[in-house]
Amino acid sequence: MSFLRVREPITKQTKIILSVLSFVIPILIWCMVSYLPFLWHPLVYIEDPGNVDIAGTYDYLAAGQLVEKEVFVNRNLELKAAGADLARGFPQNPIYFPAPHEVVKAFYTSFKTAPKRKGEQWLHESLWHSCTIIFYGFIFSAFLGIPIGILCGAYTSFTALVEPFVDFIRYMPAPVFGALAVTILGLDDGPKITIIFIGTFFQMVLVISNTTSKLDQSIIEAAQTLGTKGTKMLLKVVIPGILPELYRDMRILLGWAWTYLVVAELIGAKSGISAFLYQAQRYKQFDNVYASIIMIGLIGLCTDQILGYVGRHIFPWKK
């Protein structure tokens, strides 16, 4: 097939179909595992425990209980040997693996359900709070990371001065700075923004430096031939020349920032969508856990698609 050839262009229609399938296939697998009991249903939901007066090794079944299949089978063997009524149940997955319809329902109910404790945020407030953490952390990172990255990519002296230290720091996991950030900035949003900043800044410097260094050398040589030099070379040639790639890099790095969100929001006072996730896990509301995870993915995907749409209009010459 032509679309399986290396770097073979595909039609717009084929691209749309494959993009839809990228979501349909995982959802279909999820549905199959959830609704087809012969695939993976390791537990049994007890509808009727049978004759509870018959003593045995496996006599602790109760209606509404989830037990392993082996326990269910052995209990029925005990009841059958005693000539008693057998237990009844049906195959089911563990509570940590809810079915798609349960997660879809949680999408709606989680927004309508009030917080369990006074002072906690509603889900929409938690989501908005998480978005502000990402926004400020990424903006501060970009404010410093973009100019430093461009300077490192444009000037070899800056590369030698900055990149060795950046390489050293970027191998340190951002969360290890959490305790220090709390000590200095307190328990509110400061440490969370700091973790997002640390998690993206050092990677941003290296990524943008690499993008800048890949600017076509012939463009620079042509500008030098025309007498361009100094800061004018940087402002009039280098930066305009890398803008489309720089924009693409920022889209990718924004997704990187989202990967640090949950860890960042659990530092100091728990807040945002991470606090909602923590409470849902604590109360074993795994449908809410899955719904929250998918919400984060959807927010990130929609943001990236909007930025991609804007980028296609800002840089129409780049396919």
C-alpha atoms as a PDB file:
ATOM      1  CA  MET A   1       0.000   0.000   0.000  1.00  0.00           C
ATOM      2  CA  SER A   2       1.258   3.453  -0.947  1.00  0.00           C
ATOM      3  CA  PHE A   3       0.751   5.019   2.496  1.00  0.00           C
ATOM      4  CA  LEU A   4       3.145   2.460   4.010  1.00  0.00           C
ATOM      5  CA  ARG A   5       6.055   3.593   1.852  1.00  0.00           C
ATOM      6  CA  VAL A   6       8.760   5.605   3.604  1.00  0.00           C
ATOM      7  CA  ARG A   7       7.957   9.353   3.467  1.00  0.00           C
ATOM      8  CA  GLU A   8       5.280   8.756   0.853  1.00  0.00           C
ATOM      9  CA  PRO A   9       2.744  11.640   0.873  1.00  0.00           C
ATOM     10  CA  ILE A  10      -0.848  10.686   1.646  1.00  0.00           C
ATOM     11  CA  THR A  11      -4.085  12.321   0.605  1.00  0.00           C
ATOM     12  CA  LYS A  12      -6.019  14.581   2.957  1.00  0.00           C
ATOM     13  CA  GLN A  13      -8.849  12.044   3.084  1.00  0.00           C
ATOM     14  CA  THR A  14      -6.467   9.236   4.060  1.00  0.00           C
ATOM     15  CA  LYS A  15      -4.941  11.428   6.754  1.00  0.00           C
ATOM     16  CA  ILE A  16      -8.384  12.157   8.252  1.00  0.00           C
ATOM     17  CA  ILE A  17      -9.319   8.468   8.247  1.00  0.00           C
ATOM     18  CA  LEU A  18      -6.068   7.440   9.923  1.00  0.00           C
ATOM     19  CA  SER A  19      -6.407  10.252  12.489  1.00  0.00           C
ATOM     20  CA  VAL A  20      -9.896   9.028  13.414  1.00  0.00           C
ATOM     21  CA  LEU A  21      -8.671   5.429  13.633  1.00  0.00           C
ATOM     22  CA  SER A  22      -5.916   6.508  16.028  1.00  0.00           C
ATOM     23  CA  PHE A  23      -8.693   7.182  18.561  1.00  0.00           C
ATOM     24  CA  VAL A  24     -11.212   4.564  17.463  1.00  0.00           C
ATOM     25  CA  ILE A  25      -8.829   1.599  17.773  1.00  0.00           C
ATOM     26  CA  PRO A  26      -7.848   2.180  21.447  1.00  0.00           C
ATOM     27  CA  ILE A  27     -11.490   2.877  22.376  1.00  0.00           C
ATOM     28  CA  LEU A  28     -12.579  -0.294  20.580  1.00  0.00           C
ATOM     29  CA  ILE A  29      -9.991  -2.343  22.485  1.00  0.00           C
ATOM     30  CA  TRP A  30     -11.163  -0.747  25.736  1.00  0.00           C
ATOM     31  CA  CYS A  31     -14.765  -1.641  24.928  1.00  0.00           C
ATOM     32  CA  MET A  32     -13.861  -5.220  24.039  1.00  0.00           C
ATOM     33  CA  VAL A  33     -11.936  -5.728  27.285  1.00  0.00           C
ATOM     34  CA  SER A  34     -14.759  -4.132  29.283  1.00  0.00           C
ATOM     35  CA  TYR A  35     -17.815  -5.757  27.703  1.00  0.00           C
ATOM     36  CA  LEU A  36     -16.630  -9.167  26.444  1.00  0.00           C
ATOM     37  CA  PRO A  37     -16.305 -11.375  29.538  1.00  0.00           C
ATOM     38  CA  PHE A  38     -14.183 -14.024  27.812  1.00  0.00           C
ATOM     39  CA  LEU A  39     -11.339 -11.547  27.150  1.00  0.00           C
ATOM     40  CA  TRP A  40     -10.345 -10.298  30.607  1.00  0.00           C
ATOM     41  CA  HIS A  41     -12.726 -10.422  33.530  1.00  0.00           C
ATOM     42  CA  PRO A  42     -10.658 -11.780  36.439  1.00  0.00           C
ATOM     43  CA  LEU A  43     -13.276 -11.171  39.144  1.00  0.00           C
ATOM     44  CA  VAL A  44     -16.843 -12.260  39.830  1.00  0.00           C
ATOM     45  CA  TYR A  45     -19.571  -9.926  41.081  1.00  0.00           C
ATOM     46  CA  ILE A  46     -21.669 -11.843  43.621  1.00  0.00           C
ATOM     47  CA  GLU A  47     -25.414 -11.529  43.053  1.00  0.00           C
ATOM     48  CA  ASP A  48     -26.432 -14.298  45.445  1.00  0.00           C
ATOM     49  CA  PRO A  49     -23.950 -15.864  47.893  1.00  0.00           C
ATOM     50  CA  GLY A  50     -25.956 -19.099  48.015  1.00  0.00           C
ATOM     51  CA  ASN A  51     -26.494 -20.914  51.299  1.00  0.00           C
ATOM     52  CA  VAL A  52     -24.463 -18.899  53.812  1.00  0.00           C
ATOM     53  CA  ASP A  53     -25.144 -21.444  56.601  1.00  0.00           C
ATOM     54  CA  ILE A  54     -22.833 -23.993  55.021  1.00  0.00           C
ATOM     55  CA  ALA A  55     -19.408 -23.609  56.632  1.00  0.00           C
ATOM     56  CA  GLY A  56     -16.264 -24.033  54.579  1.00  0.00           C
ATOM     57  CA  THR A  57     -12.939 -22.545  53.616  1.00  0.00           C
ATOM     58  CA  TYR A  58     -14.596 -20.101  51.182  1.00  0.00           C
ATOM     59  CA  ASP A  59     -17.775 -19.245  53.118  1.00  0.00           C
ATOM     60  CA  TYR A  60     -17.326 -15.452  53.271  1.00  0.00           C
ATOM     61  CA  LEU A  61     -19.179 -14.512  50.071  1.00  0.00           C
ATOM     62  CA  ALA A  62     -21.718 -11.685  50.271  1.00  0.00           C
ATOM     63  CA  ALA A  63     -24.060 -10.058  47.768  1.00  0.00           C
ATOM     64  CA  GLY A  64     -22.409  -7.148  45.962  1.00  0.00           C
ATOM     65  CA  GLN A  65     -18.927  -8.469  46.655  1.00  0.00           C
ATOM     66  CA  LEU A  66     -16.132  -8.765  44.076  1.00  0.00           C
ATOM     67  CA  VAL A  67     -14.086 -11.950  44.435  1.00  0.00           C
ATOM     68  CA  GLU A  68     -11.553 -13.796  42.359  1.00  0.00           C
ATOM     69  CA  LYS A  69     -12.869 -16.501  40.062  1.00  0.00           C
ATOM     70  CA  GLU A  70     -11.002 -19.185  41.956  1.00  0.00           C
ATOM     71  CA  VAL A  71     -12.740 -18.226  45.210  1.00  0.00           C
ATOM     72  CA  PHE A  72     -16.144 -18.265  43.496  1.00  0.00           C
ATOM     73  CA  VAL A  73     -15.552 -21.668  41.910  1.00  0.00           C
ATOM     74  CA  ASN A  74     -14.236 -23.253  45.119  1.00  0.00           C
ATOM     75  CA  ARG A  75     -17.169 -21.914  47.144  1.00  0.00           C
ATOM     76  CA  ASN A  76     -19.638 -23.422  44.700  1.00  0.00           C
ATOM     77  CA  LEU A  77     -17.801 -26.734  44.951  1.00  0.00           C
ATOM     78  CA  GLU A  78     -18.275 -26.618  48.730  1.00  0.00           C
ATOM     79  CA  LEU A  79     -21.974 -25.771  48.343  1.00  0.00           C
ATOM     80  CA  LYS A  80     -22.477 -28.466  45.725  1.00  0.00           C
ATOM     81  CA  ALA A  81     -20.830 -31.079  47.936  1.00  0.00           C
ATOM     82  CA  ALA A  82     -23.203 -30.066  50.760  1.00  0.00           C
ATOM     83  CA  GLY A  83     -26.235 -30.159  48.461  1.00  0.00           C
ATOM     84  CA  ALA A  84     -26.965 -26.493  49.112  1.00  0.00           C
ATOM     85  CA  ASP A  85     -27.987 -23.630  46.845  1.00  0.00           C
ATOM     86  CA  LEU A  86     -25.081 -22.418  44.721  1.00  0.00           C
ATOM     87  CA  ALA A  87     -23.764 -18.870  44.641  1.00  0.00           C
ATOM     88  CA  ARG A  88     -24.605 -16.790  41.571  1.00  0.00           C
ATOM     89  CA  GLY A  89     -22.532 -14.070  39.970  1.00  0.00           C
ATOM     90  CA  PHE A  90     -21.222 -12.704  36.702  1.00  0.00           C
ATOM     91  CA  PRO A  91     -17.714 -11.906  35.424  1.00  0.00           C
ATOM     92  CA  GLN A  92     -16.441  -8.390  36.039  1.00  0.00           C
ATOM     93  CA  ASN A  93     -13.244  -6.387  35.825  1.00  0.00           C
ATOM     94  CA  PRO A  94     -11.583  -4.835  38.912  1.00  0.00           C
ATOM     95  CA  ILE A  95     -12.915  -1.493  40.145  1.00  0.00           C
ATOM     96  CA  TYR A  96      -9.746   0.235  38.912  1.00  0.00           C
ATOM     97  CA  PHE A  97     -10.731  -0.582  35.321  1.00  0.00           C
ATOM     98  CA  PRO A  98     -14.156   1.013  34.709  1.00  0.00           C
ATOM     99  CA  ALA A  99     -16.063   0.500  31.468  1.00  0.00           C
ATOM    100  CA  PRO A 100     -16.256   3.309  28.882  1.00  0.00           C
ATOM    101  CA  HIS A 101     -19.891   4.153  29.685  1.00  0.00           C
ATOM    102  CA  GLU A 102     -18.991   4.636  33.358  1.00  0.00           C
ATOM    103  CA  VAL A 103     -16.214   7.070  32.447  1.00  0.00           C
ATOM    104  CA  VAL A 104     -18.498   8.940  30.028  1.00  0.00           C
ATOM    105  CA  LYS A 105     -21.075   9.272  32.806  1.00  0.00           C
ATOM    106  CA  ALA A 106     -18.350  10.532  35.160  1.00  0.00           C
ATOM    107  CA  PHE A 107     -17.536  13.290  32.666  1.00  0.00           C
ATOM    108  CA  TYR A 108     -20.961  14.761  33.360  1.00  0.00           C
ATOM    109  CA  THR A 109     -21.491  13.882  37.020  1.00  0.00           C
ATOM    110  CA  SER A 110     -18.050  15.069  38.130  1.00  0.00           C
ATOM    111  CA  PHE A 111     -18.892  18.609  36.992  1.00  0.00           C
ATOM    112  CA  LYS A 112     -22.285  18.487  38.731  1.00  0.00           C
ATOM    113  CA  THR A 113     -21.150  16.878  41.990  1.00  0.00           C
ATOM    114  CA  ALA A 114     -20.264  19.264  44.799  1.00  0.00           C
ATOM    115  CA  PRO A 115     -16.893  18.854  46.585  1.00  0.00           C
ATOM    116  CA  LYS A 116     -16.981  16.381  49.450  1.00  0.00           C
ATOM    117  CA  ARG A 117     -15.375  18.799  51.882  1.00  0.00           C
ATOM    118  CA  LYS A 118     -15.986  22.482  52.484  1.00  0.00           C
ATOM    119  CA  GLY A 119     -13.395  24.707  50.866  1.00  0.00           C
ATOM    120  CA  GLU A 120     -12.478  22.280  48.085  1.00  0.00           C
ATOM    121  CA  GLN A 121     -12.838  23.395  44.468  1.00  0.00           C
ATOM    122  CA  TRP A 122     -15.431  22.247  41.966  1.00  0.00           C
ATOM    123  CA  LEU A 123     -14.026  20.386  38.987  1.00  0.00           C
ATOM    124  CA  HIS A 124     -14.268  23.329  36.599  1.00  0.00           C
ATOM    125  CA  GLU A 125     -12.445  25.490  39.149  1.00  0.00           C
ATOM    126  CA  SER A 126      -9.755  22.829  39.486  1.00  0.00           C
ATOM    127  CA  LEU A 127      -9.269  22.661  35.722  1.00  0.00           C
ATOM    128  CA  TRP A 128      -9.005  26.439  35.441  1.00  0.00           C
ATOM    129  CA  HIS A 129      -6.515  26.543  38.288  1.00  0.00           C
ATOM    130  CA  SER A 130      -4.370  23.903  36.560  1.00  0.00           C
ATOM    131  CA  CYS A 131      -4.425  25.883  33.318  1.00  0.00           C
ATOM    132  CA  THR A 132      -3.185  29.009  35.134  1.00  0.00           C
ATOM    133  CA  ILE A 133      -0.320  27.017  36.679  1.00  0.00           C
ATOM    134  CA  ILE A 134       0.714  25.782  33.226  1.00  0.00           C
ATOM    135  CA  PHE A 135       0.332  29.258  31.731  1.00  0.00           C
ATOM    136  CA  TYR A 136       2.532  31.097  34.223  1.00  0.00           C
ATOM    137  CA  GLY A 137       5.153  28.356  34.449  1.00  0.00           C
ATOM    138  CA  PHE A 138       5.464  28.130  30.674  1.00  0.00           C
ATOM    139  CA  ILE A 139       5.410  31.902  30.085  1.00  0.00           C
ATOM    140  CA  PHE A 140       8.236  32.469  32.569  1.00  0.00           C
ATOM    141  CA  SER A 141      10.161  29.598  31.002  1.00  0.00           C
ATOM    142  CA  ALA A 142       9.678  30.989  27.483  1.00  0.00           C
ATOM    143  CA  PHE A 143      10.549  34.543  28.584  1.00  0.00           C
ATOM    144  CA  LEU A 144      14.043  33.365  29.524  1.00  0.00           C
ATOM    145  CA  GLY A 145      14.448  30.187  27.507  1.00  0.00           C
ATOM    146  CA  ILE A 146      13.737  31.578  24.024  1.00  0.00           C
ATOM    147  CA  PRO A 147      16.355  34.382  24.011  1.00  0.00           C
ATOM    148  CA  ILE A 148      18.991  32.217  25.722  1.00  0.00           C
ATOM    149  CA  GLY A 149      18.327  29.349  23.310  1.00  0.00           C
ATOM    150  CA  ILE A 150      18.582  31.643  20.274  1.00  0.00           C
ATOM    151  CA  LEU A 151      21.839  33.136  21.545  1.00  0.00           C
ATOM    152  CA  CYS A 152      23.285  29.672  22.142  1.00  0.00           C
ATOM    153  CA  GLY A 153      22.312  28.543  18.643  1.00  0.00           C
ATOM    154  CA  ALA A 154      23.584  31.713  16.961  1.00  0.00           C
ATOM    155  CA  TYR A 155      26.866  32.289  18.793  1.00  0.00           C
ATOM    156  CA  THR A 156      29.369  29.534  19.507  1.00  0.00           C
ATOM    157  CA  SER A 157      30.719  31.445  22.511  1.00  0.00           C
ATOM    158  CA  PHE A 158      27.273  31.384  24.170  1.00  0.00           C
ATOM    159  CA  THR A 159      27.008  27.660  23.448  1.00  0.00           C
ATOM    160  CA  ALA A 160      30.303  27.001  25.216  1.00  0.00           C
ATOM    161  CA  LEU A 161      29.299  29.216  28.149  1.00  0.00           C
ATOM    162  CA  VAL A 162      25.714  28.065  28.746  1.00  0.00           C
ATOM    163  CA  GLU A 163      25.070  24.570  27.398  1.00  0.00           C
ATOM    164  CA  PRO A 164      27.430  22.574  29.674  1.00  0.00           C
ATOM    165  CA  PHE A 165      25.613  23.838  32.779  1.00  0.00           C
ATOM    166  CA  VAL A 166      22.185  23.405  31.156  1.00  0.00           C
ATOM    167  CA  ASP A 167      23.125  19.846  30.204  1.00  0.00           C
ATOM    168  CA  PHE A 168      24.082  19.248  33.841  1.00  0.00           C
ATOM    169  CA  ILE A 169      20.813  20.576  35.279  1.00  0.00           C
ATOM    170  CA  ARG A 170      18.436  19.013  32.749  1.00  0.00           C
ATOM    171  CA  TYR A 171      19.226  15.509  34.000  1.00  0.00           C
ATOM    172  CA  MET A 172      17.911  16.406  37.436  1.00  0.00           C
ATOM    173  CA  PRO A 173      14.199  15.548  37.809  1.00  0.00           C
ATOM    174  CA  ALA A 174      12.217  18.743  38.346  1.00  0.00           C
ATOM    175  CA  PRO A 175      10.278  17.349  41.372  1.00  0.00           C
ATOM    176  CA  VAL A 176      13.503  17.037  43.437  1.00  0.00           C
ATOM    177  CA  PHE A 177      13.432  20.833  43.715  1.00  0.00           C
ATOM    178  CA  GLY A 178       9.966  20.668  45.299  1.00  0.00           C
ATOM    179  CA  ALA A 179      11.031  20.781  48.946  1.00  0.00           C
ATOM    180  CA  LEU A 180      13.358  23.712  48.273  1.00  0.00           C
ATOM    181  CA  ALA A 181      10.658  25.551  46.336  1.00  0.00           C
ATOM    182  CA  VAL A 182       8.175  25.113  49.197  1.00  0.00           C
ATOM    183  CA  THR A 183      10.725  26.371  51.729  1.00  0.00           C
ATOM    184  CA  ILE A 184      11.421  29.504  49.701  1.00  0.00           C
ATOM    185  CA  LEU A 185       8.030  30.231  48.099  1.00  0.00           C
ATOM    186  CA  GLY A 186       5.531  28.790  50.585  1.00  0.00           C
ATOM    187  CA  LEU A 187       2.646  26.364  50.083  1.00  0.00           C
ATOM    188  CA  ASP A 188       0.583  28.150  47.435  1.00  0.00           C
ATOM    189  CA  ASP A 189       1.128  28.275  43.673  1.00  0.00           C
ATOM    190  CA  GLY A 190       4.736  29.480  43.697  1.00  0.00           C
ATOM    191  CA  PRO A 191       6.360  26.033  44.045  1.00  0.00           C
ATOM    192  CA  LYS A 192       4.029  24.547  41.418  1.00  0.00           C
ATOM    193  CA  ILE A 193       4.877  27.224  38.865  1.00  0.00           C
ATOM    194  CA  THR A 194       8.538  26.743  39.711  1.00  0.00           C
ATOM    195  CA  ILE A 195       8.394  23.006  38.949  1.00  0.00           C
ATOM    196  CA  ILE A 196       6.759  23.697  35.565  1.00  0.00           C
ATOM    197  CA  PHE A 197       9.461  26.307  34.912  1.00  0.00           C
ATOM    198  CA  ILE A 198      12.333  23.986  35.833  1.00  0.00           C
ATOM    199  CA  GLY A 199      10.813  21.088  33.905  1.00  0.00           C
ATOM    200  CA  THR A 200      10.643  23.078  30.655  1.00  0.00           C
ATOM    201  CA  PHE A 201      13.280  25.817  30.817  1.00  0.00           C
ATOM    202  CA  PHE A 202      16.442  23.743  30.469  1.00  0.00           C
ATOM    203  CA  GLN A 203      14.956  21.536  27.763  1.00  0.00           C
ATOM    204  CA  MET A 204      13.711  24.667  25.987  1.00  0.00           C
ATOM    205  CA  VAL A 205      17.179  26.215  25.865  1.00  0.00           C
ATOM    206  CA  LEU A 206      18.654  23.118  24.222  1.00  0.00           C
ATOM    207  CA  VAL A 207      15.775  22.545  21.790  1.00  0.00           C
ATOM    208  CA  ILE A 208      15.723  26.171  20.594  1.00  0.00           C
ATOM    209  CA  SER A 209      19.520  26.261  20.421  1.00  0.00           C
ATOM    210  CA  ASN A 210      19.445  23.200  18.177  1.00  0.00           C
ATOM    211  CA  THR A 211      16.715  24.744  15.985  1.00  0.00           C
ATOM    212  CA  THR A 212      18.655  28.004  15.647  1.00  0.00           C
ATOM    213  CA  SER A 213      21.890  26.227  14.743  1.00  0.00           C
ATOM    214  CA  LYS A 214      20.108  24.422  11.877  1.00  0.00           C
ATOM    215  CA  LEU A 215      19.289  27.663  10.032  1.00  0.00           C
ATOM    216  CA  ASP A 216      20.503  27.344   6.446  1.00  0.00           C
ATOM    217  CA  GLN A 217      24.094  28.611   6.387  1.00  0.00           C
ATOM    218  CA  SER A 218      23.627  30.014   2.878  1.00  0.00           C
ATOM    219  CA  ILE A 219      21.097  32.523   4.247  1.00  0.00           C
ATOM    220  CA  ILE A 220      23.648  33.815   6.750  1.00  0.00           C
ATOM    221  CA  GLU A 221      26.379  33.954   4.123  1.00  0.00           C
ATOM    222  CA  ALA A 222      24.105  35.883   1.757  1.00  0.00           C
ATOM    223  CA  ALA A 223      23.313  38.387   4.510  1.00  0.00           C
ATOM    224  CA  GLN A 224      27.006  38.782   5.306  1.00  0.00           C
ATOM    225  CA  THR A 225      27.733  39.413   1.638  1.00  0.00           C
ATOM    226  CA  LEU A 226      25.209  42.244   1.736  1.00  0.00           C
ATOM    227  CA  GLY A 227      26.971  43.749   4.739  1.00  0.00           C
ATOM    228  CA  THR A 228      24.709  42.525   7.551  1.00  0.00           C
ATOM    229  CA  LYS A 229      26.459  41.912  10.861  1.00  0.00           C
ATOM    230  CA  GLY A 230      26.156  42.186  14.631  1.00  0.00           C
ATOM    231  CA  THR A 231      22.739  42.419  16.243  1.00  0.00           C
ATOM    232  CA  LYS A 232      21.188  43.252  12.881  1.00  0.00           C
ATOM    233  CA  MET A 233      22.138  39.743  11.688  1.00  0.00           C
ATOM    234  CA  LEU A 234      20.398  38.266  14.714  1.00  0.00           C
ATOM    235  CA  LEU A 235      17.254  40.399  14.543  1.00  0.00           C
ATOM    236  CA  LYS A 236      16.788  40.633  10.770  1.00  0.00           C
ATOM    237  CA  VAL A 237      18.072  37.259   9.553  1.00  0.00           C
ATOM    238  CA  VAL A 238      18.409  34.580  12.250  1.00  0.00           C
ATOM    239  CA  ILE A 239      15.193  35.117  14.213  1.00  0.00           C
ATOM    240  CA  PRO A 240      12.901  35.580  11.165  1.00  0.00           C
ATOM    241  CA  GLY A 241      14.550  32.546   9.577  1.00  0.00           C
ATOM    242  CA  ILE A 242      13.748  30.201  12.482  1.00  0.00           C
ATOM    243  CA  LEU A 243      10.280  31.514  13.429  1.00  0.00           C
ATOM    244  CA  PRO A 244       8.222  28.625  11.926  1.00  0.00           C
ATOM    245  CA  GLU A 245      10.450  25.993  13.568  1.00  0.00           C
ATOM    246  CA  LEU A 246      10.542  28.005  16.798  1.00  0.00           C
ATOM    247  CA  TYR A 247       6.742  28.082  16.863  1.00  0.00           C
ATOM    248  CA  ARG A 248       6.628  24.307  16.344  1.00  0.00           C
ATOM    249  CA  ASP A 249       9.151  23.773  19.152  1.00  0.00           C
ATOM    250  CA  MET A 250       7.015  25.815  21.557  1.00  0.00           C
ATOM    251  CA  ARG A 251       3.991  23.671  20.738  1.00  0.00           C
ATOM    252  CA  ILE A 252       5.966  20.557  21.616  1.00  0.00           C
ATOM    253  CA  LEU A 253       7.417  22.076  24.776  1.00  0.00           C
ATOM    254  CA  LEU A 254       3.953  23.163  25.949  1.00  0.00           C
ATOM    255  CA  GLY A 255       2.957  19.503  25.892  1.00  0.00           C
ATOM    256  CA  TRP A 256       6.079  18.803  27.949  1.00  0.00           C
ATOM    257  CA  ALA A 257       4.854  21.291  30.558  1.00  0.00           C
ATOM    258  CA  TRP A 258       1.576  19.374  30.957  1.00  0.00           C
ATOM    259  CA  THR A 259       3.492  16.207  31.836  1.00  0.00           C
ATOM    260  CA  TYR A 260       4.801  17.905  34.996  1.00  0.00           C
ATOM    261  CA  LEU A 261       1.410  19.213  36.098  1.00  0.00           C
ATOM    262  CA  VAL A 262       0.276  16.421  38.418  1.00  0.00           C
ATOM    263  CA  VAL A 263       3.610  16.234  40.226  1.00  0.00           C
ATOM    264  CA  ALA A 264       3.767  20.018  40.546  1.00  0.00           C
ATOM    265  CA  GLU A 265       0.250  20.360  41.985  1.00  0.00           C
ATOM    266  CA  LEU A 266       0.910  17.775  44.685  1.00  0.00           C
ATOM    267  CA  ILE A 267       3.786  19.863  46.052  1.00  0.00           C
ATOM    268  CA  GLY A 268       2.770  21.980  49.025  1.00  0.00           C
ATOM    269  CA  ALA A 269      -0.996  22.378  49.280  1.00  0.00           C
ATOM    270  CA  LYS A 270      -2.715  20.019  46.820  1.00  0.00           C
ATOM    271  CA  SER A 271      -4.672  21.939  44.212  1.00  0.00           C
ATOM    272  CA  GLY A 272      -6.097  21.886  40.714  1.00  0.00           C
ATOM    273  CA  ILE A 273      -7.026  18.780  38.778  1.00  0.00           C
ATOM    274  CA  SER A 274      -4.355  16.835  40.676  1.00  0.00           C
ATOM    275  CA  ALA A 275      -6.199  17.387  43.962  1.00  0.00           C
ATOM    276  CA  PHE A 276      -9.395  16.144  42.302  1.00  0.00           C
ATOM    277  CA  LEU A 277      -7.521  13.073  41.037  1.00  0.00           C
ATOM    278  CA  TYR A 278      -6.084  12.426  44.489  1.00  0.00           C
ATOM    279  CA  GLN A 279      -9.496  12.594  46.152  1.00  0.00           C
ATOM    280  CA  ALA A 280     -11.075  10.368  43.495  1.00  0.00           C
ATOM    281  CA  GLN A 281      -8.349   7.779  43.986  1.00  0.00           C
ATOM    282  CA  ARG A 282      -8.700   8.029  47.759  1.00  0.00           C
ATOM    283  CA  TYR A 283     -12.431   7.288  47.600  1.00  0.00           C
ATOM    284  CA  LYS A 284     -11.881   4.636  44.891  1.00  0.00           C
ATOM    285  CA  GLN A 285     -13.899   6.599  42.321  1.00  0.00           C
ATOM    286  CA  PHE A 286     -11.836   5.299  39.436  1.00  0.00           C
ATOM    287  CA  ASP A 287     -14.359   6.432  36.832  1.00  0.00           C
ATOM    288  CA  ASN A 288     -13.580   9.997  37.942  1.00  0.00           C
ATOM    289  CA  VAL A 289      -9.856   9.226  37.813  1.00  0.00           C
ATOM    290  CA  TYR A 290     -10.083   8.084  34.183  1.00  0.00           C
ATOM    291  CA  ALA A 291     -12.353  10.994  33.294  1.00  0.00           C
ATOM    292  CA  SER A 292      -9.887  13.487  34.790  1.00  0.00           C
ATOM    293  CA  ILE A 293      -6.945  11.956  32.944  1.00  0.00           C
ATOM    294  CA  ILE A 294      -8.850  12.112  29.667  1.00  0.00           C
ATOM    295  CA  MET A 295      -9.824  15.739  30.409  1.00  0.00           C
ATOM    296  CA  ILE A 296      -6.167  16.683  30.712  1.00  0.00           C
ATOM    297  CA  GLY A 297      -5.427  14.945  27.423  1.00  0.00           C
ATOM    298  CA  LEU A 298      -8.325  16.677  25.688  1.00  0.00           C
ATOM    299  CA  ILE A 299      -7.292  20.116  26.949  1.00  0.00           C
ATOM    300  CA  GLY A 300      -3.750  19.530  25.744  1.00  0.00           C
ATOM    301  CA  LEU A 301      -4.874  18.142  22.383  1.00  0.00           C
ATOM    302  CA  CYS A 302      -7.332  20.980  21.741  1.00  0.00           C
ATOM    303  CA  THR A 303      -4.715  23.569  22.696  1.00  0.00           C
ATOM    304  CA  ASP A 304      -2.183  21.999  20.345  1.00  0.00           C
ATOM    305  CA  GLN A 305      -4.681  21.818  17.481  1.00  0.00           C
ATOM    306  CA  ILE A 306      -5.639  25.470  17.949  1.00  0.00           C
ATOM    307  CA  LEU A 307      -1.981  26.474  17.951  1.00  0.00           C
ATOM    308  CA  GLY A 308      -1.417  24.337  14.855  1.00  0.00           C
ATOM    309  CA  TYR A 309      -4.321  26.049  13.089  1.00  0.00           C
ATOM    310  CA  VAL A 310      -2.975  29.480  14.020  1.00  0.00           C
ATOM    311  CA  GLY A 311       0.518  28.472  12.897  1.00  0.00           C
ATOM    312  CA  ARG A 312      -0.709  27.424   9.455  1.00  0.00           C
ATOM    313  CA  HIS A 313      -2.076  30.946   8.961  1.00  0.00           C
ATOM    314  CA  ILE A 314       0.928  32.744  10.430  1.00  0.00           C
ATOM    315  CA  PHE A 315       3.378  30.717   8.349  1.00  0.00           C
ATOM    316  CA  PRO A 316       1.421  29.745   5.229  1.00  0.00           C
ATOM    317  CA  TRP A 317       4.611  28.939   3.309  1.00  0.00           C
ATOM    318  CA  LYS A 318       5.400  26.051   5.670  1.00  0.00           C
ATOM    319  CA  LYS A 319       3.430  22.874   4.949  1.00  0.00           C
END
